[in-house]
Amino acid sequence: MAMVIIEDCINCGACAVECPTEAIYEPGESWKENGRSLAPLSNEHFYIATDICDECSGLKQIKCIVICPMDAIEKIK
């Protein structure tokens, strides 16, 4: 499974604040893995670096999904 932020995102940033693994980035912002800076996955809305996201493993709920006012975050296969 993977998490994705869809076009309904209004770029409020609530998801990024709530993310315990800091896997959510602003539009156009490069993401980092193992000290490397990687190209942004979206220039239009916040995005989730799925290599970092652990879907809030060990928590009762996925924080970004719960906090999103637009229901713009989905789990995909």
N, C-alpha and C. Protein backbone atom coordinates (compact mmCIF):
# COMPACT_ATOMS: atom_id res chain seq x y z
N MET A 1 0.84 -1.19 0.00
CA MET A 1 0.00 0.00 0.00
C MET A 1 0.89 1.25 0.00
N ALA A 2 0.29 2.33 -0.44
CA ALA A 2 0.99 3.61 -0.44
C ALA A 2 -0.03 4.71 -0.18
N MET A 3 0.44 5.82 0.28
CA MET A 3 -0.41 6.97 0.54
C MET A 3 -0.20 7.98 -0.58
N VAL A 4 -1.28 8.66 -0.97
CA VAL A 4 -1.18 9.66 -2.02
C VAL A 4 -2.11 10.84 -1.68
N ILE A 5 -1.64 12.02 -2.02
CA ILE A 5 -2.46 13.23 -1.88
C ILE A 5 -3.00 13.56 -3.26
N ILE A 6 -4.32 13.69 -3.36
CA ILE A 6 -4.96 13.91 -4.66
C ILE A 6 -5.20 15.40 -4.92
N GLU A 7 -5.72 15.70 -6.11
CA GLU A 7 -5.90 17.08 -6.58
C GLU A 7 -6.81 17.92 -5.69
N ASP A 8 -7.63 17.30 -4.85
CA ASP A 8 -8.52 18.05 -3.97
C ASP A 8 -7.77 18.82 -2.88
N CYS A 9 -6.47 18.58 -2.77
CA CYS A 9 -5.63 19.24 -1.76
C CYS A 9 -5.67 20.76 -1.94
N ILE A 10 -5.87 21.48 -0.84
CA ILE A 10 -5.90 22.94 -0.87
C ILE A 10 -4.60 23.55 -0.32
N ASN A 11 -3.59 22.71 -0.12
CA ASN A 11 -2.27 23.16 0.35
C ASN A 11 -2.31 23.86 1.70
N CYS A 12 -3.15 23.35 2.61
CA CYS A 12 -3.22 23.95 3.94
C CYS A 12 -2.02 23.57 4.81
N GLY A 13 -1.40 22.42 4.52
CA GLY A 13 -0.22 22.00 5.26
C GLY A 13 -0.48 21.25 6.55
N ALA A 14 -1.74 21.05 6.90
CA ALA A 14 -2.06 20.36 8.15
C ALA A 14 -1.46 18.96 8.18
N CYS A 15 -1.46 18.28 7.06
CA CYS A 15 -0.93 16.92 7.00
C CYS A 15 0.56 16.89 7.31
N ALA A 16 1.30 17.85 6.77
CA ALA A 16 2.74 17.89 6.99
C ALA A 16 3.07 18.11 8.47
N VAL A 17 2.29 18.95 9.13
CA VAL A 17 2.50 19.22 10.55
C VAL A 17 2.26 17.96 11.37
N GLU A 18 1.28 17.16 11.01
CA GLU A 18 0.89 15.96 11.76
C GLU A 18 1.76 14.74 11.48
N CYS A 19 2.48 14.72 10.38
CA CYS A 19 3.22 13.52 9.96
C CYS A 19 4.37 13.19 10.91
N PRO A 20 4.30 12.03 11.59
CA PRO A 20 5.35 11.67 12.54
C PRO A 20 6.68 11.28 11.88
N THR A 21 6.65 10.92 10.60
CA THR A 21 7.89 10.55 9.91
C THR A 21 8.42 11.65 9.00
N GLU A 22 7.76 12.80 8.99
CA GLU A 22 8.14 13.94 8.14
C GLU A 22 8.25 13.52 6.67
N ALA A 23 7.25 12.76 6.22
CA ALA A 23 7.24 12.23 4.85
C ALA A 23 6.42 13.10 3.90
N ILE A 24 5.85 14.19 4.40
CA ILE A 24 4.99 15.03 3.56
C ILE A 24 5.70 16.35 3.27
N TYR A 25 5.75 16.70 2.00
CA TYR A 25 6.50 17.87 1.55
C TYR A 25 5.60 18.87 0.82
N GLU A 26 6.03 20.13 0.84
CA GLU A 26 5.32 21.20 0.14
C GLU A 26 5.49 21.05 -1.37
N PRO A 27 4.56 21.61 -2.14
CA PRO A 27 4.69 21.55 -3.60
C PRO A 27 6.02 22.14 -4.05
N GLY A 28 6.70 21.44 -4.93
CA GLY A 28 7.96 21.92 -5.48
C GLY A 28 9.16 21.72 -4.58
N GLU A 29 8.96 21.26 -3.36
CA GLU A 29 10.07 21.06 -2.43
C GLU A 29 10.71 19.70 -2.67
N SER A 30 12.03 19.69 -2.76
CA SER A 30 12.75 18.42 -2.91
C SER A 30 12.61 17.62 -1.63
N TRP A 31 12.58 16.30 -1.76
CA TRP A 31 12.52 15.46 -0.57
C TRP A 31 13.85 14.77 -0.38
N LYS A 32 14.10 14.32 0.83
CA LYS A 32 15.40 13.78 1.15
C LYS A 32 15.30 12.34 1.63
N GLU A 33 16.23 11.53 1.14
CA GLU A 33 16.33 10.14 1.57
C GLU A 33 17.80 9.75 1.62
N ASN A 34 18.21 9.22 2.76
CA ASN A 34 19.60 8.81 2.95
C ASN A 34 20.60 9.90 2.57
N GLY A 35 20.27 11.15 2.95
CA GLY A 35 21.15 12.27 2.69
C GLY A 35 21.12 12.80 1.27
N ARG A 36 20.35 12.17 0.39
CA ARG A 36 20.24 12.64 -1.00
C ARG A 36 19.01 13.51 -1.14
N SER A 37 19.12 14.54 -1.97
CA SER A 37 18.00 15.40 -2.29
C SER A 37 17.39 14.90 -3.59
N LEU A 38 16.08 14.61 -3.56
CA LEU A 38 15.40 14.04 -4.73
C LEU A 38 14.37 15.02 -5.28
N ALA A 39 14.07 14.89 -6.55
CA ALA A 39 13.15 15.80 -7.24
C ALA A 39 11.75 15.74 -6.61
N PRO A 40 11.08 16.90 -6.55
CA PRO A 40 9.72 16.93 -6.01
C PRO A 40 8.79 15.99 -6.77
N LEU A 41 7.87 15.38 -6.06
CA LEU A 41 6.89 14.49 -6.69
C LEU A 41 5.66 15.25 -7.16
N SER A 42 5.51 16.51 -6.72
CA SER A 42 4.42 17.36 -7.18
C SER A 42 4.83 18.82 -7.07
N ASN A 43 4.46 19.59 -8.05
CA ASN A 43 4.68 21.03 -8.01
C ASN A 43 3.37 21.78 -7.76
N GLU A 44 2.27 21.03 -7.64
CA GLU A 44 0.96 21.64 -7.52
C GLU A 44 0.36 21.55 -6.12
N HIS A 45 0.63 20.46 -5.42
CA HIS A 45 0.08 20.30 -4.07
C HIS A 45 1.04 19.49 -3.21
N PHE A 46 0.79 19.48 -1.91
CA PHE A 46 1.62 18.70 -1.00
C PHE A 46 1.67 17.26 -1.50
N TYR A 47 2.75 16.56 -1.19
CA TYR A 47 2.88 15.17 -1.61
C TYR A 47 3.54 14.35 -0.52
N ILE A 48 3.35 13.04 -0.61
CA ILE A 48 3.90 12.10 0.37
C ILE A 48 5.03 11.31 -0.28
N ALA A 49 6.20 11.33 0.35
CA ALA A 49 7.32 10.50 -0.09
C ALA A 49 7.07 9.10 0.46
N THR A 50 6.58 8.22 -0.40
CA THR A 50 6.15 6.90 0.06
C THR A 50 7.30 6.05 0.58
N ASP A 51 8.53 6.36 0.21
CA ASP A 51 9.67 5.63 0.74
C ASP A 51 9.91 5.95 2.21
N ILE A 52 9.39 7.08 2.67
CA ILE A 52 9.55 7.50 4.06
C ILE A 52 8.31 7.17 4.89
N CYS A 53 7.14 7.31 4.30
CA CYS A 53 5.87 7.09 4.99
C CYS A 53 5.73 5.65 5.45
N ASP A 54 5.37 5.46 6.71
CA ASP A 54 5.11 4.12 7.22
C ASP A 54 3.64 3.93 7.59
N GLU A 55 2.80 4.82 7.06
CA GLU A 55 1.35 4.81 7.29
C GLU A 55 1.02 4.81 8.78
N CYS A 56 1.80 5.58 9.53
CA CYS A 56 1.60 5.74 10.98
C CYS A 56 1.61 4.39 11.70
N SER A 57 2.55 3.57 11.31
CA SER A 57 2.71 2.25 11.92
C SER A 57 2.79 2.37 13.44
N GLY A 58 2.01 1.57 14.12
CA GLY A 58 2.00 1.58 15.58
C GLY A 58 1.01 2.56 16.18
N LEU A 59 0.41 3.41 15.37
CA LEU A 59 -0.59 4.36 15.85
C LEU A 59 -1.98 3.82 15.52
N LYS A 60 -2.99 4.32 16.20
CA LYS A 60 -4.35 3.84 15.99
C LYS A 60 -4.97 4.30 14.69
N GLN A 61 -4.49 5.42 14.15
CA GLN A 61 -5.04 5.95 12.91
C GLN A 61 -3.96 6.66 12.12
N ILE A 62 -4.20 6.82 10.83
CA ILE A 62 -3.24 7.51 9.98
C ILE A 62 -3.50 9.01 10.12
N LYS A 63 -2.54 9.70 10.73
CA LYS A 63 -2.72 11.10 11.13
C LYS A 63 -3.07 12.04 9.98
N CYS A 64 -2.42 11.89 8.84
CA CYS A 64 -2.70 12.82 7.74
C CYS A 64 -4.12 12.67 7.21
N ILE A 65 -4.61 11.43 7.15
CA ILE A 65 -5.97 11.21 6.67
C ILE A 65 -6.98 11.84 7.63
N VAL A 66 -6.74 11.67 8.91
CA VAL A 66 -7.67 12.18 9.93
C VAL A 66 -7.71 13.71 9.92
N ILE A 67 -6.56 14.37 9.73
CA ILE A 67 -6.48 15.84 9.84
C ILE A 67 -6.90 16.56 8.56
N CYS A 68 -6.86 15.90 7.41
CA CYS A 68 -7.13 16.58 6.14
C CYS A 68 -8.58 17.07 6.04
N PRO A 69 -8.77 18.40 5.91
CA PRO A 69 -10.12 18.94 5.84
C PRO A 69 -10.83 18.67 4.50
N MET A 70 -10.07 18.26 3.50
CA MET A 70 -10.63 18.04 2.16
C MET A 70 -10.74 16.56 1.79
N ASP A 71 -10.39 15.67 2.70
CA ASP A 71 -10.35 14.23 2.39
C ASP A 71 -9.54 13.98 1.13
N ALA A 72 -8.39 14.63 1.05
CA ALA A 72 -7.56 14.58 -0.15
C ALA A 72 -6.41 13.58 -0.04
N ILE A 73 -6.42 12.73 0.98
CA ILE A 73 -5.35 11.75 1.15
C ILE A 73 -5.96 10.36 1.13
N GLU A 74 -5.38 9.50 0.28
CA GLU A 74 -5.93 8.17 0.10
C GLU A 74 -4.84 7.10 0.19
N LYS A 75 -5.23 5.91 0.59
CA LYS A 75 -4.36 4.74 0.53
C LYS A 75 -4.62 4.08 -0.81
N ILE A 76 -3.54 3.76 -1.53
CA ILE A 76 -3.68 3.06 -2.80
C ILE A 76 -2.85 1.78 -2.77
N LYS A 77 -3.17 0.87 -3.65
CA LYS A 77 -2.42 -0.40 -3.72
C LYS A 77 -1.26 -0.29 -4.66
